[in-house]
């Protein structure tokens, strides 16, 4: 878990940690530009001062006397440029490695978040935040290396040289810098808040764009392009306004303070240079003092843009680190062990549960349910009766604060999420596909499966019938979320994936969309193959599936109200019989709720 310091501080800590991890390259890379700047910008005034002191302000008639000075200047400039070049090379090595690590870390953190987290955040917004978090490291380190460290070391060098000339010069310089910092910092803190507002507005804008693109078919079929364009314009205007406010504050407040202070400091430096210079030191000292004061005060003027770059990069990164403050509600507790599931017995014991966003709505109040190994059980009930909630509890997508959920007598929250979910094959109503090939999508059920195993699973799922007709066969890209495949084809791919997993427990949320008779029969055959030799829990919608299962559990208002076979429940003539009699189009109901 990330220790809480606030999102900006957390982002800074992450960046500094990555820099330290690669210290073999980062430290030399950060120091060399400062040394290079000393050679390029701070040594030449000393050499020129030496010329003035040696020749009294008049150039010698024999220019050969200046050759040593030219060589010294040229050598300093050349060495300075070489040091800068080496710094660039070292930076390319460690920054690429650091960005790679940050990118991996960002996805690692997102993957371990629970379902509630993803329900409350735009996919596009999360993508933007994660990529910006990693990508801004380069800009942050470039600013630190080439704008801060490249000026800090020369500043130290200048202070040492000025100290040798006069203690009062150093005291005056430090006093001026302190006054400037004292005056400017409160304004910079205010601007940081404005930059955070700007970054948040930018995140909302990118999230809306991603939301529209991912639902473009809905937008177009409802002819709501103009509505979405207006919404996008609103978000864009909000972002532009936040950006202008931050820029205006920077220009009208901060720059107006820095500019006169820069001029004032230069004038003070010139006056002090004249005052502390005696006749023996002459114009050479005046030149060095004024040159150094000008360079240092230029740093003060550049400080505004340096700070702006740093706050911009850290604010963008903080849009991701703020997410880390949201602790997941479902995670592996310390000391948990892997679960070993062999039989596939499922039990819910005295379970009390309500969703976090609707705590007043109790879904289950002391629910008790036991499913024997290798039985095929249907969960039936009206919308909101709790069918889907049971599957979420079994998969630990959500967690019940009271009661126990057990598999083979093992309480699931005392075992790792990975081992639990490896023991369960899940086929949802609307199977999601990765924008990858068909063979990759099927192999997702068992990443170590061979091509032959994948093709056998596809055969058993009756997916070969359409896969072999495709031009690229198993190498066909299915499109985002599988848009290139029909609903029936996606279902058979999902069934093949579950077959390949060979899990002892199957959770099947039957699709409620009507299929043509051929697809219907193929899927029924595939389901029969899938449910062999495992405990099967089916949120049943298809009448043809319900009547063939070993047991039917009827839920109503979070309680088990009926339990038996199809024939037994029809004979009781209660809720199940009514649902059956109200069947429509081969489905007992449509339910995508809880």
Foldseek 3Di string as FASTA:
>chain_A
DQDDDALLVSLVVLLVVLLVVLVVLNVLLQQLLQQLCCLQQQVLLLLVLVQCLVVVNDQDPPCVVCVVSVCSNVVSNVSSVVSNVSSVVSLVVSLVVSLVVQLVVLVVLVVQFFPVLPVVDFPQLSVQLSNLSSVLSSLQSCLSRNQPSNQPSSLVVLLVVVVVLPPVLNVLLVVLVVVLCVVQVVLLVVLLVLLLQLLVLVSVLRSLVSVCVVCVVVCVVVVVPVVSVVVSVVSVVSNVVSVVVSVCSLVVPRLVSLVVSLVVQLVVQLVVQVVSDDPSSPPSSSSSSSSSSNSVSVSSNCVSVSSVSNSNSSSSNSSSSVSVVDDHPAFQDPPAAFDDADQWKKWWAQFWDDDPVCVVQTQAGGATDIFGGLFAEEEEEDASLCQVVVVCCQLPSDHTPDTAIDTPNHGVNSHHSVNSVLQEQEQAQQQFAAQFFLLVRLCVLPVPDDSVLLVVLLVLLVLQVVQVVDPVRRRDGQPGRNPNDDRLNSRSSSLSSLQSSPHQEYEYEHHPDDDPPVSVVSNVSSVVSSSPRHYYYYNFWAPVVQQPGQKYFYGGSNYGPDIGHPVVVCVVVPDVVVLVVPDDPRTSDDYPHD
